[in-house]
Amino acid sequence: MIWFFSFILTKYRNRVLFTVIIACTIAPLLMIKYLNFAIFGINSIFNSGIQPVSILIPMGISFFTFEAVSFLADVYNEKIKDKPSILNVYLYLSFFTTVTSGPIIRFKEFNQGLRNNLQTINYANAIERIMIGLCKKVLIADKISVLANYYFDGVALGNQYSSIGLWLGSIAYTLQLYFDFSGYSDIAIGIGQLLGFSIRENFNKPYQAGSISDFWKRWHISLTQWFRDYVYIPLGGNRCSIPRHILNMLSVWLLTGIWHGTDLSFILWGLGYFVLLVIEKYIPFMKKLENTIIGRLYTLFFVNLLWILFRADNLKTAAIYIKGLFSNITIGIEDKAMRFIPFILCCILLCFPWNKLFAKWSKKKWFALVRGILLIMLSIMVIAGIVNSAYTPYIYGNF
């Protein structure tokens, strides 16, 4: 169907037709993800008794839709010169390494991968990238999720916790989400490399960001770039009046929040970033804080706070959790949180900028040997971790 739409757009470059095709492309996603939300709203407003519909959600429908829209938009804007074959379009939209959780790739990048010479593949780098991703997922994200679940699930059940414990629980989720999602991206990129595809990076040490704007240049980069290229810029970007620019930003962040989920907590999560980005853009004082220690701390503070909205089961649970961060201030701390403090500190250290130091060590002869031994040890630990634990799905597989 998507190939057929692209074929029509190459024949008839009409804006109204393009709009209709895009609407048809995103319609299945809207129906599957938001039909029951709409039914709930109708029942609440009109006191009707419409029953929710049980829908089987296809794996990867969100990322499939993102890539389909980008492909059709690029065809319409003549960024894709050659007429794509139906087979290449099918392979692109069903590319197994990225279809469930990204990174969101463009058709031109994928098509280039189909033409790459497999003899030029660096298999060692690709396998190393996969192992790093597995380590992030199995040895870090899955382990620290125990503490995050303890606090978030406990708050949802009505349990009371110390302020320090709640802070540690929120930090645990902040770390879990990063290592889980960036770990998946590493695996996807590594497998892509083995097959000859150069998949764009999705993370660039986001917790080192010096501002909220900088954070979103580092976090889920492929999604940020997708919204920039296919929503923000078509709306006018920042080449317009200040009120219009603010409206464009509001549209992007409302859509970002709604895409992540139908609960009001996701919408507030998106609006929270909208407000922070508007403040950074139009208050001169904020520019002076960028990339300073204060700027980095304020960025981490708000990113961590907004992840609570992202993780909580609903808005009520999120409100109780956030209230507990600032109200139950006591010296005491739960035993479970106390046991996780060393692990949390180690995870935080892994987020530090070690690149320059590693680049300096890479020139030493002993570094390659130590690196190889460490990777072998971590590989054994990953296998043991997978064997001895239950299946834990990737977080972004839910979106």
Protein backbone atom coordinates (compact mmCIF):
# COMPACT_ATOMS: atom_id res chain seq x y z
CA MET A 1 0.00 0.00 0.00
CA ILE A 2 2.78 2.44 0.91
CA TRP A 3 4.57 1.66 -2.35
CA PHE A 4 1.31 2.27 -4.24
CA PHE A 5 0.92 5.62 -2.47
CA SER A 6 4.47 6.56 -3.49
CA PHE A 7 3.72 5.55 -7.07
CA ILE A 8 0.69 7.86 -7.11
CA LEU A 9 2.73 10.74 -5.67
CA THR A 10 5.34 10.40 -8.40
CA LYS A 11 2.57 10.71 -11.00
CA TYR A 12 0.48 13.43 -9.35
CA ARG A 13 2.33 15.88 -7.08
CA ASN A 14 -0.73 17.47 -5.55
CA ARG A 15 -0.74 18.88 -2.03
CA VAL A 16 -4.31 17.85 -1.27
CA LEU A 17 -3.63 14.33 -2.53
CA PHE A 18 -0.47 14.18 -0.43
CA THR A 19 -2.43 15.24 2.67
CA VAL A 20 -5.06 12.56 2.04
CA ILE A 21 -2.37 9.89 1.57
CA ILE A 22 -0.60 10.87 4.80
CA ALA A 23 -3.93 10.77 6.64
CA CYS A 24 -4.57 7.26 5.30
CA THR A 25 -1.05 6.21 6.33
CA ILE A 26 -1.40 7.30 9.97
CA ALA A 27 -5.06 6.25 10.31
CA PRO A 28 -4.28 2.65 11.42
CA LEU A 29 -1.92 3.92 14.12
CA LEU A 30 -4.50 6.42 15.39
CA MET A 31 -7.25 3.81 15.44
CA ILE A 32 -5.18 1.14 17.18
CA LYS A 33 -3.60 3.39 19.81
CA TYR A 34 -6.36 5.90 20.50
CA LEU A 35 -9.72 4.29 19.69
CA ASN A 36 -10.33 3.14 23.27
CA PHE A 37 -9.17 6.51 24.57
CA ALA A 38 -11.78 8.17 22.34
CA ILE A 39 -14.44 5.73 23.57
CA PHE A 40 -13.55 6.54 27.17
CA GLY A 41 -13.88 10.26 26.42
CA ILE A 42 -17.26 9.81 24.73
CA ASN A 43 -18.54 7.73 27.65
CA SER A 44 -17.36 10.34 30.13
CA ILE A 45 -18.95 13.28 28.28
CA PHE A 46 -22.22 11.73 27.13
CA ASN A 47 -22.58 9.10 29.88
CA SER A 48 -22.89 6.43 27.20
CA GLY A 49 -22.09 2.74 27.57
CA ILE A 50 -19.87 2.05 24.59
CA GLN A 51 -17.64 -0.92 25.35
CA PRO A 52 -13.87 -0.72 24.76
CA VAL A 53 -12.62 -2.65 21.75
CA SER A 54 -10.05 -5.41 22.13
CA ILE A 55 -7.38 -4.69 19.51
CA LEU A 56 -4.30 -6.75 18.70
CA ILE A 57 -1.50 -4.20 18.32
CA PRO A 58 0.96 -5.08 15.54
CA MET A 59 4.59 -4.99 16.66
CA GLY A 60 6.40 -1.84 15.61
CA ILE A 61 3.38 -0.04 14.17
CA SER A 62 4.56 3.33 15.53
CA PHE A 63 8.04 3.17 14.01
CA PHE A 64 6.63 1.61 10.83
CA THR A 65 4.29 4.61 10.52
CA PHE A 66 7.07 7.13 11.18
CA GLU A 67 9.19 5.61 8.43
CA ALA A 68 6.25 5.35 6.03
CA VAL A 69 5.44 9.04 6.51
CA SER A 70 9.08 10.06 6.04
CA PHE A 71 9.31 7.93 2.88
CA LEU A 72 6.15 9.39 1.34
CA ALA A 73 7.16 12.94 2.28
CA ASP A 74 10.59 12.46 0.69
CA VAL A 75 8.96 11.09 -2.48
CA TYR A 76 6.57 14.05 -2.59
CA ASN A 77 9.40 16.55 -2.04
CA GLU A 78 11.51 14.77 -4.69
CA LYS A 79 14.29 13.91 -2.22
CA ILE A 80 14.14 10.36 -3.56
CA LYS A 81 15.09 10.59 -7.23
CA ASP A 82 14.89 6.96 -8.35
CA LYS A 83 11.55 5.20 -8.33
CA PRO A 84 11.74 2.68 -5.46
CA SER A 85 10.76 -0.90 -6.17
CA ILE A 86 7.97 -2.55 -4.20
CA LEU A 87 10.49 -5.06 -2.78
CA ASN A 88 12.82 -2.34 -1.47
CA VAL A 89 9.93 -0.47 0.14
CA TYR A 90 8.75 -3.67 1.82
CA LEU A 91 12.25 -4.46 3.09
CA TYR A 92 12.66 -0.90 4.36
CA LEU A 93 9.41 -0.80 6.31
CA SER A 94 9.91 -4.29 7.78
CA PHE A 95 13.63 -4.00 8.57
CA PHE A 96 13.74 -6.19 11.67
CA THR A 97 16.55 -4.42 13.55
CA THR A 98 14.73 -1.07 13.78
CA VAL A 99 11.03 -1.78 13.25
CA THR A 100 10.12 -2.33 16.92
CA SER A 101 11.96 0.50 18.72
CA GLY A 102 14.00 2.45 16.18
CA PRO A 103 16.25 4.21 15.41
CA ILE A 104 13.99 5.74 12.77
CA ILE A 105 15.88 5.44 9.50
CA ARG A 106 15.25 7.13 6.16
CA PHE A 107 14.70 5.28 2.90
CA LYS A 108 17.81 6.76 1.26
CA GLU A 109 19.97 5.45 4.12
CA PHE A 110 18.41 2.00 3.89
CA ASN A 111 18.68 1.90 0.10
CA GLN A 112 22.36 2.75 0.36
CA GLY A 113 22.80 -0.19 2.72
CA LEU A 114 21.32 -2.53 0.13
CA ARG A 115 24.09 -1.50 -2.24
CA ASN A 116 26.99 -1.73 0.22
CA ASN A 117 29.78 -4.21 -0.36
CA LEU A 118 29.74 -6.80 2.44
CA GLN A 119 33.53 -7.18 2.15
CA THR A 120 33.99 -3.74 3.73
CA ILE A 121 32.13 -4.63 6.94
CA ASN A 122 34.09 -4.33 10.19
CA TYR A 123 32.69 -7.41 11.92
CA ALA A 124 34.71 -6.86 15.11
CA ASN A 125 33.25 -3.39 15.66
CA ALA A 126 29.74 -4.60 14.89
CA ILE A 127 29.93 -7.52 17.35
CA GLU A 128 31.45 -5.26 20.00
CA ARG A 129 28.59 -2.79 19.54
CA ILE A 130 26.03 -5.58 19.98
CA MET A 131 27.75 -6.80 23.15
CA ILE A 132 27.83 -3.28 24.60
CA GLY A 133 24.10 -3.00 23.94
CA LEU A 134 23.41 -6.34 25.63
CA CYS A 135 25.49 -5.29 28.63
CA LYS A 136 23.49 -2.08 28.96
CA LYS A 137 20.23 -4.01 28.83
CA VAL A 138 20.95 -7.17 30.83
CA LEU A 139 23.59 -6.05 33.32
CA ILE A 140 22.38 -2.51 34.01
CA ALA A 141 18.83 -1.66 32.90
CA ASP A 142 17.22 -4.93 34.00
CA LYS A 143 19.04 -4.88 37.35
CA ILE A 144 18.31 -1.28 38.28
CA SER A 145 14.67 -1.66 37.20
CA VAL A 146 14.10 -3.59 40.44
CA LEU A 147 14.56 -0.42 42.48
CA ALA A 148 12.55 1.74 40.07
CA ASN A 149 9.65 -0.73 40.10
CA TYR A 150 9.80 -1.00 43.89
CA TYR A 151 9.08 2.71 44.33
CA PHE A 152 6.80 3.42 41.37
CA ASP A 153 4.66 0.30 41.88
CA GLY A 154 4.63 0.91 45.62
CA VAL A 155 3.40 4.48 45.24
CA ALA A 156 0.68 3.24 42.88
CA LEU A 157 -0.44 0.82 45.61
CA GLY A 158 -0.56 3.63 48.19
CA ASN A 159 2.66 2.85 50.10
CA GLN A 160 4.57 5.63 51.87
CA TYR A 161 8.30 6.13 51.32
CA SER A 162 11.05 8.49 52.40
CA SER A 163 11.93 11.48 50.24
CA ILE A 164 15.49 10.23 49.72
CA GLY A 165 14.20 6.81 48.69
CA LEU A 166 11.80 8.33 46.18
CA TRP A 167 14.61 10.40 44.69
CA LEU A 168 16.74 7.28 44.33
CA GLY A 169 13.80 5.47 42.74
CA SER A 170 13.33 8.24 40.17
CA ILE A 171 17.07 8.32 39.44
CA ALA A 172 16.98 4.54 39.03
CA TYR A 173 14.28 4.87 36.37
CA THR A 174 16.17 7.70 34.66
CA LEU A 175 19.18 5.40 34.39
CA GLN A 176 17.09 2.35 33.48
CA LEU A 177 15.39 4.12 30.58
CA TYR A 178 18.68 5.36 29.16
CA PHE A 179 20.57 2.07 29.38
CA ASP A 180 17.54 0.09 28.18
CA PHE A 181 16.79 2.24 25.15
CA SER A 182 20.36 3.10 24.18
CA GLY A 183 21.23 -0.59 24.64
CA TYR A 184 18.53 -1.55 22.13
CA SER A 185 19.81 1.11 19.73
CA ASP A 186 23.36 -0.24 20.05
CA ILE A 187 22.15 -3.75 19.24
CA ALA A 188 20.12 -2.51 16.25
CA ILE A 189 23.06 -0.49 14.93
CA GLY A 190 25.46 -3.40 15.45
CA ILE A 191 23.22 -5.92 13.67
CA GLY A 192 22.73 -3.39 10.90
CA GLN A 193 26.50 -3.10 10.52
CA LEU A 194 26.78 -6.88 10.20
CA LEU A 195 24.32 -6.70 7.31
CA GLY A 196 26.06 -3.76 5.66
CA PHE A 197 23.70 -0.99 6.81
CA SER A 198 24.90 2.26 8.37
CA ILE A 199 22.12 3.13 10.85
CA ARG A 200 22.13 6.63 12.32
CA GLU A 201 23.09 7.08 15.96
CA ASN A 202 20.19 7.47 18.37
CA PHE A 203 21.98 8.62 21.53
CA ASN A 204 24.94 10.89 22.22
CA LYS A 205 25.50 10.83 25.99
CA PRO A 206 22.26 12.73 26.76
CA TYR A 207 22.86 13.02 30.50
CA GLN A 208 25.90 15.18 29.78
CA ALA A 209 23.67 17.82 28.17
CA GLY A 210 24.15 21.43 29.21
CA SER A 211 20.55 22.48 28.53
CA ILE A 212 17.14 21.01 27.74
CA SER A 213 17.64 21.92 24.08
CA ASP A 214 21.00 20.15 24.11
CA PHE A 215 19.40 17.14 25.78
CA TRP A 216 16.98 16.67 22.89
CA LYS A 217 19.85 16.88 20.43
CA ARG A 218 21.35 13.89 22.23
CA TRP A 219 18.30 11.79 23.27
CA HIS A 220 16.37 9.65 20.77
CA ILE A 221 18.03 11.65 18.01
CA SER A 222 16.17 9.92 15.18
CA LEU A 223 12.78 10.86 16.70
CA THR A 224 13.87 14.47 17.32
CA GLN A 225 15.09 14.76 13.73
CA TRP A 226 11.88 13.18 12.42
CA PHE A 227 9.68 15.73 14.21
CA ARG A 228 12.01 18.52 13.08
CA ASP A 229 11.96 17.52 9.40
CA TYR A 230 8.35 16.39 9.00
CA VAL A 231 6.40 18.50 11.53
CA TYR A 232 8.37 21.48 12.85
CA ILE A 233 9.93 22.77 9.60
CA PRO A 234 6.76 22.26 7.48
CA LEU A 235 4.87 24.32 10.08
CA GLY A 236 7.36 27.14 9.61
CA GLY A 237 10.06 26.28 12.14
CA ASN A 238 11.59 29.38 13.72
CA ARG A 239 11.50 31.47 10.54
CA CYS A 240 8.34 33.25 11.57
CA SER A 241 6.95 35.55 14.26
CA ILE A 242 7.55 34.73 17.91
CA PRO A 243 3.88 33.76 18.59
CA ARG A 244 3.86 31.49 15.54
CA HIS A 245 7.17 29.94 16.55
CA ILE A 246 5.85 29.19 20.02
CA LEU A 247 2.72 27.67 18.46
CA ASN A 248 4.91 25.48 16.24
CA MET A 249 6.85 24.26 19.28
CA LEU A 250 3.60 23.59 21.13
CA SER A 251 2.31 21.52 18.21
CA VAL A 252 5.47 19.41 18.11
CA TRP A 253 5.52 18.69 21.82
CA LEU A 254 1.82 17.99 22.04
CA LEU A 255 2.21 15.45 19.24
CA THR A 256 5.29 13.98 20.95
CA GLY A 257 3.40 13.54 24.21
CA ILE A 258 0.29 12.13 22.54
CA TRP A 259 2.35 9.66 20.51
CA HIS A 260 3.93 8.23 23.65
CA GLY A 261 0.58 7.52 25.29
CA THR A 262 -3.03 8.52 25.81
CA ASP A 263 -2.82 9.25 29.53
CA LEU A 264 -2.68 12.90 30.57
CA SER A 265 0.70 12.27 32.18
CA PHE A 266 2.28 11.85 28.72
CA ILE A 267 0.66 15.07 27.48
CA LEU A 268 1.97 16.95 30.53
CA TRP A 269 5.37 15.38 29.93
CA GLY A 270 5.41 16.85 26.43
CA LEU A 271 4.07 20.21 27.62
CA GLY A 272 6.73 20.31 30.34
CA TYR A 273 9.48 20.14 27.72
CA PHE A 274 7.64 22.73 25.62
CA VAL A 275 7.62 25.21 28.52
CA LEU A 276 11.29 24.59 29.35
CA LEU A 277 12.36 24.99 25.72
CA VAL A 278 10.39 28.24 25.33
CA ILE A 279 12.04 29.59 28.49
CA GLU A 280 15.49 28.65 27.18
CA LYS A 281 14.75 30.22 23.82
CA TYR A 282 13.29 33.54 24.91
CA ILE A 283 14.82 34.33 28.32
CA PRO A 284 18.36 35.68 27.71
CA PHE A 285 19.56 34.69 31.19
CA MET A 286 19.14 31.00 30.34
CA LYS A 287 21.73 31.26 27.56
CA LYS A 288 24.37 32.13 30.16
CA LEU A 289 23.65 28.90 32.06
CA GLU A 290 24.08 26.66 29.03
CA ASN A 291 26.95 24.15 29.44
CA THR A 292 27.80 25.45 32.91
CA ILE A 293 27.63 23.27 36.03
CA ILE A 294 24.36 24.97 37.01
CA GLY A 295 22.99 24.41 33.51
CA ARG A 296 23.84 20.72 33.59
CA LEU A 297 22.34 20.26 37.05
CA TYR A 298 19.12 22.06 36.18
CA THR A 299 18.85 19.96 33.01
CA LEU A 300 19.28 16.70 34.92
CA PHE A 301 16.84 17.88 37.60
CA PHE A 302 14.01 18.56 35.15
CA VAL A 303 14.74 15.56 32.94
CA ASN A 304 14.58 13.31 36.01
CA LEU A 305 11.41 15.03 37.24
CA LEU A 306 9.66 14.70 33.88
CA TRP A 307 10.60 11.02 33.57
CA ILE A 308 8.35 10.46 36.60
CA LEU A 309 5.38 11.52 34.46
CA PHE A 310 6.66 9.13 31.81
CA ARG A 311 6.97 6.14 34.15
CA ALA A 312 3.98 6.53 36.47
CA ASP A 313 0.88 4.47 35.68
CA ASN A 314 -1.27 7.60 35.54
CA LEU A 315 -1.30 11.29 36.39
CA LYS A 316 -2.54 10.69 39.95
CA THR A 317 0.35 8.35 40.74
CA ALA A 318 2.82 10.81 39.20
CA ALA A 319 1.43 13.66 41.33
CA ILE A 320 1.71 11.59 44.53
CA TYR A 321 5.26 10.55 43.64
CA ILE A 322 6.41 14.11 42.89
CA LYS A 323 4.76 15.40 46.04
CA GLY A 324 6.61 12.76 48.04
CA LEU A 325 9.97 13.98 46.68
CA PHE A 326 9.51 17.31 48.45
CA SER A 327 7.31 16.46 51.44
CA ASN A 328 8.46 13.24 53.12
CA ILE A 329 11.87 14.69 53.98
CA THR A 330 13.43 12.42 56.60
CA ILE A 331 16.89 11.11 57.40
CA GLY A 332 15.76 7.50 57.05
CA ILE A 333 15.86 5.50 53.85
CA GLU A 334 14.45 2.13 52.86
CA ASP A 335 16.80 -0.88 53.05
CA LYS A 336 16.23 -1.77 49.39
CA ALA A 337 17.36 1.70 48.28
CA MET A 338 20.38 1.54 50.58
CA ARG A 339 21.55 -1.68 48.94
CA PHE A 340 21.27 -0.11 45.47
CA ILE A 341 23.28 3.06 46.20
CA PRO A 342 26.67 1.61 45.10
CA PHE A 343 25.12 0.28 41.90
CA ILE A 344 23.46 3.64 41.17
CA LEU A 345 26.79 5.43 41.66
CA CYS A 346 28.48 3.02 39.23
CA CYS A 347 25.74 3.64 36.65
CA ILE A 348 26.14 7.40 37.05
CA LEU A 349 29.89 7.07 36.52
CA LEU A 350 29.23 5.22 33.26
CA CYS A 351 27.38 8.31 32.03
CA PHE A 352 30.48 10.50 32.47
CA PRO A 353 32.52 11.62 29.41
CA TRP A 354 35.22 8.95 29.25
CA ASN A 355 35.79 9.31 25.50
CA LYS A 356 38.91 11.47 25.67
CA LEU A 357 40.51 9.19 28.23
CA PHE A 358 39.71 6.07 26.18
CA ALA A 359 41.03 7.77 23.04
CA LYS A 360 44.28 8.47 24.88
CA TRP A 361 44.53 4.89 26.18
CA SER A 362 43.71 3.41 22.77
CA LYS A 363 47.22 4.31 21.64
CA LYS A 364 48.69 2.07 24.34
CA LYS A 365 49.50 -1.55 23.46
CA TRP A 366 47.95 -2.93 26.63
CA PHE A 367 44.58 -1.24 26.02
CA ALA A 368 43.44 -3.61 23.22
CA LEU A 369 44.25 -6.64 25.39
CA VAL A 370 42.43 -5.28 28.44
CA ARG A 371 39.48 -4.23 26.28
CA GLY A 372 39.22 -7.70 24.72
CA ILE A 373 39.41 -9.51 28.08
CA LEU A 374 36.80 -7.16 29.56
CA LEU A 375 34.41 -7.75 26.66
CA ILE A 376 34.79 -11.53 27.00
CA MET A 377 34.06 -11.33 30.73
CA LEU A 378 31.05 -9.10 30.13
CA SER A 379 29.79 -11.47 27.43
CA ILE A 380 29.89 -14.36 29.88
CA MET A 381 28.05 -12.25 32.47
CA VAL A 382 25.41 -11.31 29.89
CA ILE A 383 24.79 -14.95 28.97
CA ALA A 384 24.56 -15.88 32.65
CA GLY A 385 22.19 -12.97 33.24
CA ILE A 386 19.92 -13.99 30.39
CA VAL A 387 19.82 -17.63 31.51
CA ASN A 388 19.09 -16.79 35.16
CA SER A 389 16.44 -14.11 34.67
CA ALA A 390 12.96 -13.83 33.21
CA TYR A 391 12.28 -12.11 29.91
CA THR A 392 12.18 -8.33 30.29
CA PRO A 393 10.87 -6.47 27.23
CA TYR A 394 12.45 -3.24 26.03
CA ILE A 395 10.65 -0.21 27.41
CA TYR A 396 10.19 1.51 24.04
CA GLY A 397 8.63 -1.62 22.60
CA ASN A 398 5.45 -0.39 24.31
CA PHE A 399 5.29 2.69 22.11
